[in-house]
Amino acid sequence: MGLSEKRKAYKRQWWAENRSRHLDRMKERARERNYGLTSDQFTRMFKDQDGRCAICKADFASVRMHVDHDHHTGKVRALLCADCNLALGRVERGGGVAWLKAAEVYLRRFG
């Protein structure tokens, strides 16, 4: 038995009016569940970083934001853009600073 047309219309209207607030709350709950980061802590981090990536300083208004954390300890480090978060993860898994230095030598050699 499906929803009545009136109920479907109500749900569509509610979602149109509350979508942003609802999704923000879902993100808030996920940050708390995944990283132990409260809304106040997240807001403070965001403000301390001026709404920018901790590495490349990209404005979070124009790029996707990630909570960077140590995968071994779970400790939250900073807020990063998607590109920096992905690159940092690859460096950590690929040999860390030694790999990064080797990549620098490679780039200097081959331009």
C-alpha atoms as a PDB file:
ATOM      1  CA  MET A   1       0.000   0.000   0.000  1.00  0.00           C
ATOM      2  CA  GLY A   2       1.613   3.240  -1.141  1.00  0.00           C
ATOM      3  CA  LEU A   3       1.553   6.708   0.269  1.00  0.00           C
ATOM      4  CA  SER A   4      -1.356   8.921  -0.583  1.00  0.00           C
ATOM      5  CA  GLU A   5      -0.703  11.703  -3.075  1.00  0.00           C
ATOM      6  CA  LYS A   6      -1.306  14.264  -0.332  1.00  0.00           C
ATOM      7  CA  ARG A   7       1.327  12.615   1.888  1.00  0.00           C
ATOM      8  CA  LYS A   8       3.796  12.411  -1.025  1.00  0.00           C
ATOM      9  CA  ALA A   9       3.279  16.118  -1.756  1.00  0.00           C
ATOM     10  CA  TYR A  10       3.831  16.961   1.911  1.00  0.00           C
ATOM     11  CA  LYS A  11       7.076  14.953   1.997  1.00  0.00           C
ATOM     12  CA  ARG A  12       8.335  16.632  -1.200  1.00  0.00           C
ATOM     13  CA  GLN A  13       7.591  20.076   0.230  1.00  0.00           C
ATOM     14  CA  TRP A  14       9.178  19.241   3.597  1.00  0.00           C
ATOM     15  CA  TRP A  15      12.333  17.967   1.892  1.00  0.00           C
ATOM     16  CA  ALA A  16      12.541  21.059  -0.325  1.00  0.00           C
ATOM     17  CA  GLU A  17      12.265  23.331   2.722  1.00  0.00           C
ATOM     18  CA  ASN A  18      14.489  21.339   5.107  1.00  0.00           C
ATOM     19  CA  ARG A  19      16.999  19.499   2.921  1.00  0.00           C
ATOM     20  CA  SER A  20      20.017  21.644   3.743  1.00  0.00           C
ATOM     21  CA  ARG A  21      19.380  21.671   7.489  1.00  0.00           C
ATOM     22  CA  HIS A  22      18.718  17.927   7.526  1.00  0.00           C
ATOM     23  CA  LEU A  23      21.904  17.109   5.572  1.00  0.00           C
ATOM     24  CA  ASP A  24      23.975  19.412   7.801  1.00  0.00           C
ATOM     25  CA  ARG A  25      22.679  17.559  10.853  1.00  0.00           C
ATOM     26  CA  MET A  26      23.515  14.200   9.270  1.00  0.00           C
ATOM     27  CA  LYS A  27      27.104  15.396   8.596  1.00  0.00           C
ATOM     28  CA  GLU A  28      27.341  16.644  12.186  1.00  0.00           C
ATOM     29  CA  ARG A  29      26.277  13.252  13.557  1.00  0.00           C
ATOM     30  CA  ALA A  30      28.726  11.442  11.258  1.00  0.00           C
ATOM     31  CA  ARG A  31      31.645  13.636  12.438  1.00  0.00           C
ATOM     32  CA  GLU A  32      30.774  12.890  16.037  1.00  0.00           C
ATOM     33  CA  ARG A  33      30.329   9.158  15.404  1.00  0.00           C
ATOM     34  CA  ASN A  34      33.406   8.713  13.176  1.00  0.00           C
ATOM     35  CA  TYR A  35      35.892  11.087  14.811  1.00  0.00           C
ATOM     36  CA  GLY A  36      34.456  12.000  18.221  1.00  0.00           C
ATOM     37  CA  LEU A  37      34.318  15.599  16.992  1.00  0.00           C
ATOM     38  CA  THR A  38      31.514  17.665  18.510  1.00  0.00           C
ATOM     39  CA  SER A  39      29.788  20.441  16.627  1.00  0.00           C
ATOM     40  CA  ASP A  40      31.545  23.053  18.783  1.00  0.00           C
ATOM     41  CA  GLN A  41      34.969  21.472  18.216  1.00  0.00           C
ATOM     42  CA  PHE A  42      34.365  21.319  14.467  1.00  0.00           C
ATOM     43  CA  THR A  43      33.213  24.942  14.365  1.00  0.00           C
ATOM     44  CA  ARG A  44      36.309  26.016  16.323  1.00  0.00           C
ATOM     45  CA  MET A  45      38.624  24.097  13.950  1.00  0.00           C
ATOM     46  CA  PHE A  46      36.869  25.613  10.939  1.00  0.00           C
ATOM     47  CA  LYS A  47      37.223  29.137  12.335  1.00  0.00           C
ATOM     48  CA  ASP A  48      40.840  28.586  13.444  1.00  0.00           C
ATOM     49  CA  GLN A  49      41.657  27.566   9.863  1.00  0.00           C
ATOM     50  CA  ASP A  50      39.697  30.529   8.436  1.00  0.00           C
ATOM     51  CA  GLY A  51      37.499  28.119   6.483  1.00  0.00           C
ATOM     52  CA  ARG A  52      40.506  26.900   4.491  1.00  0.00           C
ATOM     53  CA  CYS A  53      42.471  23.695   3.957  1.00  0.00           C
ATOM     54  CA  ALA A  54      45.311  23.333   6.497  1.00  0.00           C
ATOM     55  CA  ILE A  55      47.770  22.428   3.705  1.00  0.00           C
ATOM     56  CA  CYS A  56      46.970  24.261   0.460  1.00  0.00           C
ATOM     57  CA  LYS A  57      44.692  26.971   1.939  1.00  0.00           C
ATOM     58  CA  ALA A  58      41.882  26.275  -0.557  1.00  0.00           C
ATOM     59  CA  ASP A  59      38.613  27.905   0.522  1.00  0.00           C
ATOM     60  CA  PHE A  60      36.086  25.320   1.717  1.00  0.00           C
ATOM     61  CA  ALA A  61      33.357  27.339   0.031  1.00  0.00           C
ATOM     62  CA  SER A  62      34.672  26.035  -3.303  1.00  0.00           C
ATOM     63  CA  VAL A  63      36.162  22.611  -2.447  1.00  0.00           C
ATOM     64  CA  ARG A  64      35.018  19.532  -0.562  1.00  0.00           C
ATOM     65  CA  MET A  65      36.177  19.369   3.050  1.00  0.00           C
ATOM     66  CA  HIS A  66      37.511  16.299   4.912  1.00  0.00           C
ATOM     67  CA  VAL A  67      38.392  15.683   8.546  1.00  0.00           C
ATOM     68  CA  ASP A  68      41.993  14.465   8.516  1.00  0.00           C
ATOM     69  CA  HIS A  69      42.849  11.954  11.217  1.00  0.00           C
ATOM     70  CA  ASP A  70      45.534   9.433  12.115  1.00  0.00           C
ATOM     71  CA  HIS A  71      44.230   6.034  11.056  1.00  0.00           C
ATOM     72  CA  HIS A  72      46.207   4.277  13.796  1.00  0.00           C
ATOM     73  CA  THR A  73      45.247   6.433  16.786  1.00  0.00           C
ATOM     74  CA  GLY A  74      42.038   8.013  15.474  1.00  0.00           C
ATOM     75  CA  LYS A  75      43.298  11.449  16.560  1.00  0.00           C
ATOM     76  CA  VAL A  76      41.867  14.305  14.492  1.00  0.00           C
ATOM     77  CA  ARG A  77      44.613  16.496  13.001  1.00  0.00           C
ATOM     78  CA  ALA A  78      42.950  19.203  10.879  1.00  0.00           C
ATOM     79  CA  LEU A  79      40.460  19.953   8.113  1.00  0.00           C
ATOM     80  CA  LEU A  80      41.751  19.337   4.591  1.00  0.00           C
ATOM     81  CA  CYS A  81      40.431  19.675   1.065  1.00  0.00           C
ATOM     82  CA  ALA A  82      39.746  16.412  -0.773  1.00  0.00           C
ATOM     83  CA  ASP A  83      42.904  16.681  -2.894  1.00  0.00           C
ATOM     84  CA  CYS A  84      45.241  17.229   0.074  1.00  0.00           C
ATOM     85  CA  ASN A  85      43.539  14.524   2.125  1.00  0.00           C
ATOM     86  CA  LEU A  86      43.941  12.007  -0.701  1.00  0.00           C
ATOM     87  CA  ALA A  87      47.558  13.010  -1.360  1.00  0.00           C
ATOM     88  CA  LEU A  88      48.434  12.820   2.332  1.00  0.00           C
ATOM     89  CA  GLY A  89      46.892   9.366   2.589  1.00  0.00           C
ATOM     90  CA  ARG A  90      48.897   8.176  -0.389  1.00  0.00           C
ATOM     91  CA  VAL A  91      52.127   9.559   1.094  1.00  0.00           C
ATOM     92  CA  GLU A  92      51.434   7.859   4.437  1.00  0.00           C
ATOM     93  CA  ARG A  93      50.651   4.496   2.828  1.00  0.00           C
ATOM     94  CA  GLY A  94      53.449   4.782   0.272  1.00  0.00           C
ATOM     95  CA  GLY A  95      56.430   5.183   2.577  1.00  0.00           C
ATOM     96  CA  GLY A  96      55.919   8.543   4.230  1.00  0.00           C
ATOM     97  CA  VAL A  97      58.520  11.280   4.108  1.00  0.00           C
ATOM     98  CA  ALA A  98      61.126   9.020   2.468  1.00  0.00           C
ATOM     99  CA  TRP A  99      58.758   8.420  -0.446  1.00  0.00           C
ATOM    100  CA  LEU A 100      57.939  12.126  -0.633  1.00  0.00           C
ATOM    101  CA  LYS A 101      61.640  13.035  -0.848  1.00  0.00           C
ATOM    102  CA  ALA A 102      62.181  10.406  -3.548  1.00  0.00           C
ATOM    103  CA  ALA A 103      59.238  11.854  -5.483  1.00  0.00           C
ATOM    104  CA  GLU A 104      60.782  15.333  -5.195  1.00  0.00           C
ATOM    105  CA  VAL A 105      64.114  14.046  -6.583  1.00  0.00           C
ATOM    106  CA  TYR A 106      62.220  12.366  -9.402  1.00  0.00           C
ATOM    107  CA  LEU A 107      60.306  15.538 -10.292  1.00  0.00           C
ATOM    108  CA  ARG A 108      63.479  17.645 -10.236  1.00  0.00           C
ATOM    109  CA  ARG A 109      65.182  15.154 -12.513  1.00  0.00           C
ATOM    110  CA  PHE A 110      62.372  14.781 -15.050  1.00  0.00           C
ATOM    111  CA  GLY A 111      60.764  18.191 -14.634  1.00  0.00           C
END
